[in-house]
Amino acid sequence: MAFSQTDSLPVYKQFPTVPAFKLMKADSSFIQLQDLTKKKASVIIIFSPTCGHCQHQAEAITSHIKDLKDVNFVFSTSYPVDEMKQYISSYGLDRFPNITVVHDNLPIMGTFYKVESFPGVFVYDKKGKLVANFDTNVTADTILKKLKG
């Protein structure tokens, strides 16, 4: 008797580079996720605008933005656009050139990353390779340590 084993790794671990997804920004323009993360370390955060942990994550990043100035952040949500815009406004995310908030209108990000709790945090190095992932809030220090290897 023989058994075949299916690959149980989530897709993002099977393909550990930034995915080529087209996502909508708050101004309704579209952008390729890979374009947001080119040649810089990047952190992709899958969030819910009403999630307390996600709100703390935004605060943790913006309060340490000087330490994280060389890291691109992409906040992605599939929740309604008006809630996304309120989240942007509440945390002043549009003030920072290295933070982009996108709407996952399909939604594909949560499925690709197999997000089971918010926030889902995925850290990529300058070459676009996944170096860490978390299913909870992450401090600025933890992000920087993961990027240094």
C-alpha atoms as a PDB file:
ATOM      1  CA  MET A   1       0.000   0.000   0.000  1.00  0.00           C
ATOM      2  CA  ALA A   2       1.338   3.446  -0.896  1.00  0.00           C
ATOM      3  CA  PHE A   3       0.332   6.907   0.188  1.00  0.00           C
ATOM      4  CA  SER A   4       0.981  10.101  -1.670  1.00  0.00           C
ATOM      5  CA  GLN A   5       1.743  13.163   0.366  1.00  0.00           C
ATOM      6  CA  THR A   6       0.271  16.461  -0.726  1.00  0.00           C
ATOM      7  CA  ASP A   7       2.323  19.573  -0.230  1.00  0.00           C
ATOM      8  CA  SER A   8       0.866  21.215   2.858  1.00  0.00           C
ATOM      9  CA  LEU A   9       3.052  24.309   2.736  1.00  0.00           C
ATOM     10  CA  PRO A  10       1.146  27.553   2.182  1.00  0.00           C
ATOM     11  CA  VAL A  11       1.614  29.054  -1.285  1.00  0.00           C
ATOM     12  CA  TYR A  12       3.759  31.940  -0.006  1.00  0.00           C
ATOM     13  CA  LYS A  13       6.281  29.417   1.359  1.00  0.00           C
ATOM     14  CA  GLN A  14       6.245  27.351  -1.832  1.00  0.00           C
ATOM     15  CA  PHE A  15       7.002  30.547  -3.796  1.00  0.00           C
ATOM     16  CA  PRO A  16       8.957  32.675  -1.272  1.00  0.00           C
ATOM     17  CA  THR A  17       9.226  35.826  -3.364  1.00  0.00           C
ATOM     18  CA  VAL A  18       6.929  38.847  -3.559  1.00  0.00           C
ATOM     19  CA  PRO A  19       3.868  37.800  -5.589  1.00  0.00           C
ATOM     20  CA  ALA A  20       2.893  39.617  -8.794  1.00  0.00           C
ATOM     21  CA  PHE A  21      -0.530  40.868  -7.716  1.00  0.00           C
ATOM     22  CA  LYS A  22      -2.247  43.978  -9.049  1.00  0.00           C
ATOM     23  CA  LEU A  23      -3.874  45.915  -6.208  1.00  0.00           C
ATOM     24  CA  MET A  24      -5.873  49.132  -5.871  1.00  0.00           C
ATOM     25  CA  LYS A  25      -4.533  52.106  -3.916  1.00  0.00           C
ATOM     26  CA  ALA A  26      -6.766  54.482  -1.940  1.00  0.00           C
ATOM     27  CA  ASP A  27      -6.909  56.889  -4.904  1.00  0.00           C
ATOM     28  CA  SER A  28      -8.405  54.047  -7.043  1.00  0.00           C
ATOM     29  CA  SER A  29      -5.269  53.666  -9.173  1.00  0.00           C
ATOM     30  CA  PHE A  30      -3.775  50.204  -9.533  1.00  0.00           C
ATOM     31  CA  ILE A  31      -0.232  49.123  -8.778  1.00  0.00           C
ATOM     32  CA  GLN A  32       1.743  45.900  -9.018  1.00  0.00           C
ATOM     33  CA  LEU A  33       2.799  44.580  -5.629  1.00  0.00           C
ATOM     34  CA  GLN A  34       6.254  43.787  -7.040  1.00  0.00           C
ATOM     35  CA  ASP A  35       6.677  47.443  -8.061  1.00  0.00           C
ATOM     36  CA  LEU A  36       6.080  48.554  -4.476  1.00  0.00           C
ATOM     37  CA  THR A  37       8.769  46.250  -3.171  1.00  0.00           C
ATOM     38  CA  LYS A  38      11.575  46.572  -5.747  1.00  0.00           C
ATOM     39  CA  LYS A  39      15.159  46.909  -4.495  1.00  0.00           C
ATOM     40  CA  LYS A  40      14.160  47.637  -0.910  1.00  0.00           C
ATOM     41  CA  ALA A  41      13.381  45.455   2.027  1.00  0.00           C
ATOM     42  CA  SER A  42       9.625  45.230   2.329  1.00  0.00           C
ATOM     43  CA  VAL A  43       6.992  44.255   4.821  1.00  0.00           C
ATOM     44  CA  ILE A  44       3.550  43.200   3.650  1.00  0.00           C
ATOM     45  CA  ILE A  45       0.849  43.461   6.286  1.00  0.00           C
ATOM     46  CA  ILE A  46      -2.550  41.870   5.729  1.00  0.00           C
ATOM     47  CA  PHE A  47      -4.953  43.717   8.018  1.00  0.00           C
ATOM     48  CA  SER A  48      -8.503  44.479   9.023  1.00  0.00           C
ATOM     49  CA  PRO A  49      -9.198  48.181   9.625  1.00  0.00           C
ATOM     50  CA  THR A  50     -11.264  47.377  12.735  1.00  0.00           C
ATOM     51  CA  CYS A  51      -8.815  44.886  14.283  1.00  0.00           C
ATOM     52  CA  GLY A  52      -7.227  46.157  17.502  1.00  0.00           C
ATOM     53  CA  HIS A  53      -3.983  44.292  16.836  1.00  0.00           C
ATOM     54  CA  CYS A  54      -3.842  45.839  13.347  1.00  0.00           C
ATOM     55  CA  GLN A  55      -4.327  49.290  14.818  1.00  0.00           C
ATOM     56  CA  HIS A  56      -1.442  48.658  17.230  1.00  0.00           C
ATOM     57  CA  GLN A  57       0.684  47.451  14.298  1.00  0.00           C
ATOM     58  CA  ALA A  58       0.138  50.742  12.456  1.00  0.00           C
ATOM     59  CA  GLU A  59       1.096  52.650  15.597  1.00  0.00           C
ATOM     60  CA  ALA A  60       4.217  50.513  16.127  1.00  0.00           C
ATOM     61  CA  ILE A  61       5.423  51.212  12.603  1.00  0.00           C
ATOM     62  CA  THR A  62       4.615  54.916  12.436  1.00  0.00           C
ATOM     63  CA  SER A  63       6.111  55.607  15.857  1.00  0.00           C
ATOM     64  CA  HIS A  64       9.419  54.054  14.694  1.00  0.00           C
ATOM     65  CA  ILE A  65       9.317  55.211  11.089  1.00  0.00           C
ATOM     66  CA  LYS A  66      12.741  56.905  11.348  1.00  0.00           C
ATOM     67  CA  ASP A  67      14.321  53.533  12.160  1.00  0.00           C
ATOM     68  CA  LEU A  68      12.306  51.923   9.350  1.00  0.00           C
ATOM     69  CA  LYS A  69      12.863  54.586   6.678  1.00  0.00           C
ATOM     70  CA  ASP A  70      14.676  52.121   4.386  1.00  0.00           C
ATOM     71  CA  VAL A  71      11.854  49.580   4.502  1.00  0.00           C
ATOM     72  CA  ASN A  72       8.769  49.659   2.254  1.00  0.00           C
ATOM     73  CA  PHE A  73       5.491  48.814   3.951  1.00  0.00           C
ATOM     74  CA  VAL A  74       2.449  47.575   2.096  1.00  0.00           C
ATOM     75  CA  PHE A  75      -0.733  47.365   4.140  1.00  0.00           C
ATOM     76  CA  SER A  76      -3.337  45.260   2.330  1.00  0.00           C
ATOM     77  CA  THR A  77      -6.993  44.748   3.194  1.00  0.00           C
ATOM     78  CA  SER A  78     -10.014  43.222   1.527  1.00  0.00           C
ATOM     79  CA  TYR A  79     -12.381  45.084   3.841  1.00  0.00           C
ATOM     80  CA  PRO A  80     -14.514  47.922   2.396  1.00  0.00           C
ATOM     81  CA  VAL A  81     -12.595  50.830   0.842  1.00  0.00           C
ATOM     82  CA  ASP A  82     -14.230  53.396   3.137  1.00  0.00           C
ATOM     83  CA  GLU A  83     -12.905  51.457   6.173  1.00  0.00           C
ATOM     84  CA  MET A  84      -9.468  51.308   4.553  1.00  0.00           C
ATOM     85  CA  LYS A  85      -9.499  55.077   4.009  1.00  0.00           C
ATOM     86  CA  GLN A  86     -10.518  55.663   7.622  1.00  0.00           C
ATOM     87  CA  TYR A  87      -7.607  53.480   8.779  1.00  0.00           C
ATOM     88  CA  ILE A  88      -5.208  55.481   6.581  1.00  0.00           C
ATOM     89  CA  SER A  89      -6.542  58.717   8.033  1.00  0.00           C
ATOM     90  CA  SER A  90      -6.561  57.509  11.658  1.00  0.00           C
ATOM     91  CA  TYR A  91      -2.878  56.575  11.583  1.00  0.00           C
ATOM     92  CA  GLY A  92      -1.665  59.189   9.088  1.00  0.00           C
ATOM     93  CA  LEU A  93      -0.276  56.468   6.847  1.00  0.00           C
ATOM     94  CA  ASP A  94      -0.441  58.708   3.776  1.00  0.00           C
ATOM     95  CA  ARG A  95       2.205  60.986   5.351  1.00  0.00           C
ATOM     96  CA  PHE A  96       4.966  58.434   4.869  1.00  0.00           C
ATOM     97  CA  PRO A  97       6.485  57.822   1.426  1.00  0.00           C
ATOM     98  CA  ASN A  98       7.512  54.273   2.344  1.00  0.00           C
ATOM     99  CA  ILE A  99       3.978  53.197   3.361  1.00  0.00           C
ATOM    100  CA  THR A 100       1.367  52.208   0.787  1.00  0.00           C
ATOM    101  CA  VAL A 101      -2.108  50.989   1.641  1.00  0.00           C
ATOM    102  CA  VAL A 102      -3.885  48.845  -0.945  1.00  0.00           C
ATOM    103  CA  HIS A 103      -7.280  47.272  -1.350  1.00  0.00           C
ATOM    104  CA  ASP A 104      -7.315  43.601  -2.244  1.00  0.00           C
ATOM    105  CA  ASN A 105     -10.541  43.630  -4.220  1.00  0.00           C
ATOM    106  CA  LEU A 106     -10.413  39.984  -5.386  1.00  0.00           C
ATOM    107  CA  PRO A 107      -9.350  39.001  -2.462  1.00  0.00           C
ATOM    108  CA  ILE A 108      -6.187  37.035  -3.175  1.00  0.00           C
ATOM    109  CA  MET A 109      -3.668  38.199  -0.585  1.00  0.00           C
ATOM    110  CA  GLY A 110      -5.337  36.478   2.383  1.00  0.00           C
ATOM    111  CA  THR A 111      -5.542  33.237   0.435  1.00  0.00           C
ATOM    112  CA  PHE A 112      -1.984  33.413  -0.925  1.00  0.00           C
ATOM    113  CA  TYR A 113      -0.599  34.126   2.535  1.00  0.00           C
ATOM    114  CA  LYS A 114      -3.045  31.797   4.296  1.00  0.00           C
ATOM    115  CA  VAL A 115      -3.844  34.477   6.860  1.00  0.00           C
ATOM    116  CA  GLU A 116      -5.674  32.963   9.806  1.00  0.00           C
ATOM    117  CA  SER A 117      -5.442  35.931  12.161  1.00  0.00           C
ATOM    118  CA  PHE A 118      -4.754  39.643  11.809  1.00  0.00           C
ATOM    119  CA  PRO A 119      -2.349  41.140  11.242  1.00  0.00           C
ATOM    120  CA  GLY A 120      -0.446  38.794   8.968  1.00  0.00           C
ATOM    121  CA  VAL A 121       3.071  40.223   8.628  1.00  0.00           C
ATOM    122  CA  PHE A 122       5.481  39.059   5.898  1.00  0.00           C
ATOM    123  CA  VAL A 123       9.056  40.367   5.776  1.00  0.00           C
ATOM    124  CA  TYR A 124      11.051  40.329   2.515  1.00  0.00           C
ATOM    125  CA  ASP A 125      14.692  41.259   2.004  1.00  0.00           C
ATOM    126  CA  LYS A 126      16.017  43.631  -0.706  1.00  0.00           C
ATOM    127  CA  LYS A 127      16.036  40.783  -3.234  1.00  0.00           C
ATOM    128  CA  GLY A 128      12.354  40.057  -2.633  1.00  0.00           C
ATOM    129  CA  LYS A 129      12.951  36.822  -0.714  1.00  0.00           C
ATOM    130  CA  LEU A 130      10.776  35.967   2.271  1.00  0.00           C
ATOM    131  CA  VAL A 131      12.832  36.079   5.473  1.00  0.00           C
ATOM    132  CA  ALA A 132      10.106  35.940   8.142  1.00  0.00           C
ATOM    133  CA  ASN A 133       6.388  35.812   8.719  1.00  0.00           C
ATOM    134  CA  PHE A 134       4.239  36.481  11.770  1.00  0.00           C
ATOM    135  CA  ASP A 135       0.579  36.100  12.629  1.00  0.00           C
ATOM    136  CA  THR A 136       0.582  38.829  15.226  1.00  0.00           C
ATOM    137  CA  ASN A 137       1.973  42.309  15.872  1.00  0.00           C
ATOM    138  CA  VAL A 138       5.658  42.825  15.192  1.00  0.00           C
ATOM    139  CA  THR A 139       7.936  45.443  16.713  1.00  0.00           C
ATOM    140  CA  ALA A 140      10.239  47.652  14.677  1.00  0.00           C
ATOM    141  CA  ASP A 141      13.212  45.957  16.363  1.00  0.00           C
ATOM    142  CA  THR A 142      12.014  42.500  15.328  1.00  0.00           C
ATOM    143  CA  ILE A 143      11.567  43.610  11.705  1.00  0.00           C
ATOM    144  CA  LEU A 144      15.058  45.132  11.617  1.00  0.00           C
ATOM    145  CA  LYS A 145      16.625  42.041  13.201  1.00  0.00           C
ATOM    146  CA  LYS A 146      14.972  39.760  10.643  1.00  0.00           C
ATOM    147  CA  LEU A 147      16.240  41.939   7.803  1.00  0.00           C
ATOM    148  CA  LYS A 148      19.800  41.871   9.132  1.00  0.00           C
ATOM    149  CA  GLY A 149      19.683  38.076   9.174  1.00  0.00           C
END
